[in-house]
Amino acid sequence: MRFLIRLKGENSEFKIPYNHLYYLQGLVYRRIQRTNPELSLALHRPKVPKLFTFSLFMAEKRKRGNGFLIGKGHGFFYFSTPIAEIAEAFIGGLLAEPEVELWNEKFYVETVKALPEPVSFTGKTYSTLSPIAVTTLKPQLGKLKHYDLSPSEEEFYTNLKENLKEKYVLLYGKKPPESFEIEILNAKPKRFEVKPGIYQRAWHLVFKAYGDDELIKVGYQAGFGEKNSLGFGMVKVDGWRRF
């Protein structure tokens, strides 16, 4: 399930800070908590994929400001999940309380539109609506520390696939398919502050995905890579005219 959420700013122009993903994450969790507290508690379990993701915050028109973007017209972002309960809680919470404050800017949720999905997923070209994060653990000074992988490293692809299989098992409760690979056509690094003082390097990608249709669909709906509930790993199908 995929939704386009359009917001109108209180003012004709509004700021969009570069590091804004954790504001959107807070909005998602607050609306879910108010609508379905039990689900909210379940989504706070550590080290378990949350099976939802969202895009960067965008604007119909924008220009660069001093350390941020200045948006005009409507702001908007996308939200995606394969879990109906999560979609109902978040979207229901938005519609019940459409006034939204993000980074000291006030918005009003004007429309929430459910979007159709492609019929098939293998062989398609995808591009990121929020960058993909893939990590590993590496020894440093006698301790294991998180290391952000890049597409130039083979482990990036291995871990991306294993993460996708983990989500598949969580969603379907059965052995995941093995057939999955991607061909990266373009890659651009991004570095975001995801919490005060905590940074994540991730990658805006254009890529082709091949393999089991159901497995790729999990990535399309729940996000590719890690930290999806922080707003990483959302993609769109290039050329899918109804997106």
Protein backbone atom coordinates (compact mmCIF):
# COMPACT_ATOMS: atom_id res chain seq x y z
CA MET A 1 0.00 0.00 0.00
CA ARG A 2 1.37 3.33 -1.06
CA PHE A 3 0.08 6.84 -0.37
CA LEU A 4 0.79 10.36 -1.55
CA ILE A 5 0.33 12.87 1.28
CA ARG A 6 -0.06 16.48 0.20
CA LEU A 7 0.28 19.29 2.73
CA LYS A 8 -0.39 23.01 2.46
CA GLY A 9 1.89 25.30 4.41
CA GLU A 10 0.56 27.93 6.78
CA ASN A 11 2.67 30.42 4.82
CA SER A 12 3.14 30.75 1.06
CA GLU A 13 6.79 29.74 1.53
CA PHE A 14 8.15 27.18 3.94
CA LYS A 15 11.56 25.85 4.93
CA ILE A 16 12.69 22.24 4.44
CA PRO A 17 15.85 21.47 6.46
CA TYR A 18 18.31 19.06 4.89
CA ASN A 19 18.18 16.75 7.92
CA HIS A 20 14.43 16.34 8.19
CA LEU A 21 13.82 12.58 8.16
CA TYR A 22 13.53 12.25 11.94
CA TYR A 23 10.79 14.91 11.95
CA LEU A 24 8.77 12.79 9.54
CA GLN A 25 9.51 9.67 11.57
CA GLY A 26 8.17 11.45 14.65
CA LEU A 27 5.00 12.38 12.77
CA VAL A 28 4.46 8.76 11.70
CA TYR A 29 4.92 7.36 15.19
CA ARG A 30 2.81 10.03 16.89
CA ARG A 31 -0.14 9.47 14.58
CA ILE A 32 0.12 5.68 14.92
CA GLN A 33 0.38 5.95 18.71
CA ARG A 34 -2.75 8.08 18.97
CA THR A 35 -4.73 5.76 16.72
CA ASN A 36 -3.35 2.35 17.78
CA PRO A 37 -1.21 2.42 20.96
CA GLU A 38 -0.63 -1.35 20.95
CA LEU A 39 0.72 -1.23 17.41
CA SER A 40 2.94 1.69 18.36
CA LEU A 41 4.50 -0.35 21.18
CA ALA A 42 5.08 -3.28 18.82
CA LEU A 43 6.81 -1.00 16.30
CA HIS A 44 9.28 0.11 18.97
CA ARG A 45 10.74 -3.38 19.37
CA PRO A 46 14.50 -3.13 18.72
CA LYS A 47 16.35 -4.86 15.87
CA VAL A 48 13.20 -5.94 14.02
CA PRO A 49 12.31 -4.52 10.57
CA LYS A 50 9.28 -2.25 10.94
CA LEU A 51 7.90 -2.94 7.44
CA PHE A 52 7.13 0.63 6.48
CA THR A 53 9.04 3.45 4.87
CA PHE A 54 8.55 6.99 3.63
CA SER A 55 10.18 9.38 1.21
CA LEU A 56 12.01 12.62 1.65
CA PHE A 57 9.80 15.69 2.05
CA MET A 58 9.38 17.46 -1.28
CA ALA A 59 7.77 20.62 -2.63
CA GLU A 60 6.06 21.54 -5.89
CA LYS A 61 8.50 24.43 -6.27
CA ARG A 62 11.69 24.95 -4.34
CA LYS A 63 14.88 26.97 -4.21
CA ARG A 64 17.99 26.86 -2.11
CA GLY A 65 18.16 28.84 1.09
CA ASN A 66 20.92 29.23 3.68
CA GLY A 67 21.36 25.63 4.83
CA PHE A 68 17.87 24.54 3.81
CA LEU A 69 15.41 24.51 0.93
CA ILE A 70 12.57 26.99 0.55
CA GLY A 71 9.40 25.38 -0.74
CA LYS A 72 6.41 26.98 -2.46
CA GLY A 73 2.97 25.61 -3.21
CA HIS A 74 2.28 22.25 -1.63
CA GLY A 75 4.68 20.07 0.29
CA PHE A 76 4.32 16.33 -0.10
CA PHE A 77 5.82 12.96 0.75
CA TYR A 78 5.09 9.29 0.12
CA PHE A 79 4.37 6.53 2.64
CA SER A 80 4.48 2.81 1.93
CA THR A 81 3.82 -0.42 3.85
CA PRO A 82 2.64 -3.97 3.10
CA ILE A 83 0.82 -4.07 6.47
CA ALA A 84 -2.79 -2.88 6.39
CA GLU A 85 -2.85 -2.22 10.15
CA ILE A 86 0.09 0.19 9.88
CA ALA A 87 -1.47 2.02 6.91
CA GLU A 88 -4.83 2.33 8.67
CA ALA A 89 -3.27 3.64 11.87
CA PHE A 90 -1.03 6.25 10.24
CA ILE A 91 -3.43 7.46 7.56
CA GLY A 92 -6.35 7.39 9.98
CA GLY A 93 -4.32 9.44 12.44
CA LEU A 94 -3.44 12.01 9.78
CA LEU A 95 -7.04 12.42 8.67
CA ALA A 96 -8.31 12.65 12.24
CA GLU A 97 -5.73 15.30 13.10
CA PRO A 98 -4.69 17.03 9.86
CA GLU A 99 -2.82 19.92 11.48
CA VAL A 100 0.89 19.07 11.32
CA GLU A 101 3.93 20.85 12.72
CA LEU A 102 7.31 19.92 11.27
CA TRP A 103 10.62 21.68 12.05
CA ASN A 104 8.67 24.71 13.40
CA GLU A 105 6.64 25.00 10.19
CA LYS A 106 2.89 24.47 10.28
CA PHE A 107 1.10 22.45 7.58
CA TYR A 108 -2.38 21.14 6.95
CA VAL A 109 -2.94 17.74 5.36
CA GLU A 110 -5.06 18.53 2.31
CA THR A 111 -5.22 15.16 0.56
CA VAL A 112 -4.13 11.57 1.09
CA LYS A 113 -4.23 9.55 -2.11
CA ALA A 114 -3.83 5.79 -2.34
CA LEU A 115 -1.61 4.90 -5.28
CA PRO A 116 -1.80 1.81 -7.51
CA GLU A 117 1.14 -0.54 -7.69
CA PRO A 118 2.82 -2.17 -10.69
CA VAL A 119 1.63 -5.64 -11.66
CA SER A 120 5.16 -7.05 -11.82
CA PHE A 121 8.49 -6.01 -10.32
CA THR A 122 11.39 -7.98 -11.82
CA GLY A 123 13.32 -6.40 -14.67
CA LYS A 124 12.12 -2.90 -13.82
CA THR A 125 14.27 0.20 -13.34
CA TYR A 126 13.96 1.79 -9.90
CA SER A 127 15.09 5.11 -8.48
CA THR A 128 15.17 6.17 -4.86
CA LEU A 129 12.72 8.56 -3.23
CA SER A 130 14.89 8.33 -0.13
CA PRO A 131 18.44 6.95 -0.11
CA ILE A 132 19.24 3.30 0.64
CA ALA A 133 21.29 2.51 3.76
CA VAL A 134 23.23 -0.75 4.14
CA THR A 135 25.57 -1.37 7.06
CA THR A 136 27.85 -4.01 8.56
CA LEU A 137 29.91 -4.47 11.72
CA LYS A 138 33.69 -4.05 11.59
CA PRO A 139 36.28 -4.31 14.38
CA GLN A 140 37.71 -1.01 15.53
CA LEU A 141 39.93 -0.58 18.60
CA GLY A 142 38.84 -3.98 19.88
CA LYS A 143 35.12 -3.35 19.44
CA LEU A 144 32.61 -4.02 16.69
CA LYS A 145 31.30 -0.77 15.22
CA HIS A 146 28.72 -0.02 12.56
CA TYR A 147 30.17 0.71 9.13
CA ASP A 148 28.16 2.21 6.27
CA LEU A 149 28.63 0.18 3.10
CA SER A 150 28.81 1.57 -0.42
CA PRO A 151 27.80 0.01 -3.76
CA SER A 152 31.49 -0.40 -4.56
CA GLU A 153 31.71 -3.10 -1.86
CA GLU A 154 30.46 -6.64 -2.45
CA GLU A 155 29.01 -6.85 1.07
CA PHE A 156 26.59 -4.07 0.14
CA TYR A 157 24.76 -6.46 -2.21
CA THR A 158 24.95 -9.45 0.12
CA ASN A 159 23.54 -7.53 3.07
CA LEU A 160 20.89 -5.86 0.92
CA LYS A 161 19.65 -9.28 -0.17
CA GLU A 162 19.75 -10.78 3.34
CA ASN A 163 17.82 -7.81 4.73
CA LEU A 164 15.18 -8.28 2.03
CA LYS A 165 14.87 -11.99 2.86
CA GLU A 166 14.46 -11.16 6.57
CA LYS A 167 11.55 -8.87 5.75
CA TYR A 168 10.03 -11.54 3.54
CA VAL A 169 10.09 -14.10 6.39
CA LEU A 170 8.62 -11.56 8.81
CA LEU A 171 5.84 -10.73 6.36
CA TYR A 172 4.98 -14.17 4.97
CA GLY A 173 6.30 -16.56 7.61
CA LYS A 174 7.93 -18.89 5.11
CA LYS A 175 11.31 -19.59 3.56
CA PRO A 176 12.33 -16.69 1.31
CA PRO A 177 13.27 -17.04 -2.36
CA GLU A 178 16.97 -16.85 -3.20
CA SER A 179 16.57 -15.23 -6.62
CA PHE A 180 17.49 -11.54 -6.33
CA GLU A 181 20.15 -9.25 -7.75
CA ILE A 182 20.44 -5.61 -8.71
CA GLU A 183 22.38 -3.75 -11.37
CA ILE A 184 23.23 -0.22 -10.30
CA LEU A 185 23.04 2.36 -13.07
CA ASN A 186 23.78 5.48 -11.02
CA ALA A 187 24.82 6.10 -7.41
CA LYS A 188 25.14 9.28 -5.36
CA PRO A 189 26.10 9.33 -1.65
CA LYS A 190 24.12 11.25 0.96
CA ARG A 191 24.82 11.80 4.64
CA PHE A 192 21.96 12.56 7.01
CA GLU A 193 21.77 13.33 10.70
CA VAL A 194 19.15 10.81 11.84
CA LYS A 195 19.30 11.74 15.52
CA PRO A 196 21.22 14.56 17.22
CA GLY A 197 24.88 13.72 16.69
CA ILE A 198 24.18 10.43 14.88
CA TYR A 199 24.78 10.30 11.13
CA GLN A 200 23.96 7.80 8.41
CA ARG A 201 25.58 7.58 4.99
CA ALA A 202 23.19 6.25 2.38
CA TRP A 203 22.86 6.18 -1.40
CA HIS A 204 20.51 7.65 -3.94
CA LEU A 205 20.42 4.96 -6.62
CA VAL A 206 19.03 4.18 -10.01
CA PHE A 207 19.06 0.41 -10.46
CA LYS A 208 17.51 -2.56 -12.17
CA ALA A 209 16.19 -5.40 -10.00
CA TYR A 210 15.94 -9.02 -11.15
CA GLY A 211 14.65 -12.14 -9.47
CA ASP A 212 11.59 -13.35 -7.59
CA ASP A 213 8.70 -10.95 -8.09
CA GLU A 214 7.31 -11.42 -4.58
CA LEU A 215 10.70 -10.75 -2.98
CA ILE A 216 11.28 -7.56 -4.95
CA LYS A 217 7.76 -6.43 -4.10
CA VAL A 218 8.66 -6.61 -0.40
CA GLY A 219 11.44 -4.09 -1.04
CA TYR A 220 9.09 -1.90 -3.05
CA GLN A 221 6.47 -1.87 -0.29
CA ALA A 222 8.58 -1.93 2.89
CA GLY A 223 11.78 -0.34 1.60
CA PHE A 224 15.16 -1.61 0.43
CA GLY A 225 18.08 -1.77 2.82
CA GLU A 226 18.04 -0.81 6.49
CA LYS A 227 16.51 1.90 8.68
CA ASN A 228 13.32 2.06 6.61
CA SER A 229 11.29 3.37 9.57
CA LEU A 230 13.76 6.30 9.68
CA GLY A 231 12.82 7.11 6.08
CA PHE A 232 15.47 5.23 4.12
CA GLY A 233 15.08 2.91 1.15
CA MET A 234 11.88 4.05 -0.55
CA VAL A 235 11.91 3.60 -4.33
CA LYS A 236 9.69 4.19 -7.32
CA VAL A 237 9.49 2.35 -10.62
CA ASP A 238 10.82 4.56 -13.39
CA GLY A 239 8.30 4.97 -16.19
CA TRP A 240 5.40 3.82 -14.01
CA ARG A 241 3.10 6.59 -15.18
CA ARG A 242 0.53 6.23 -12.40
CA PHE A 243 3.01 6.71 -9.57
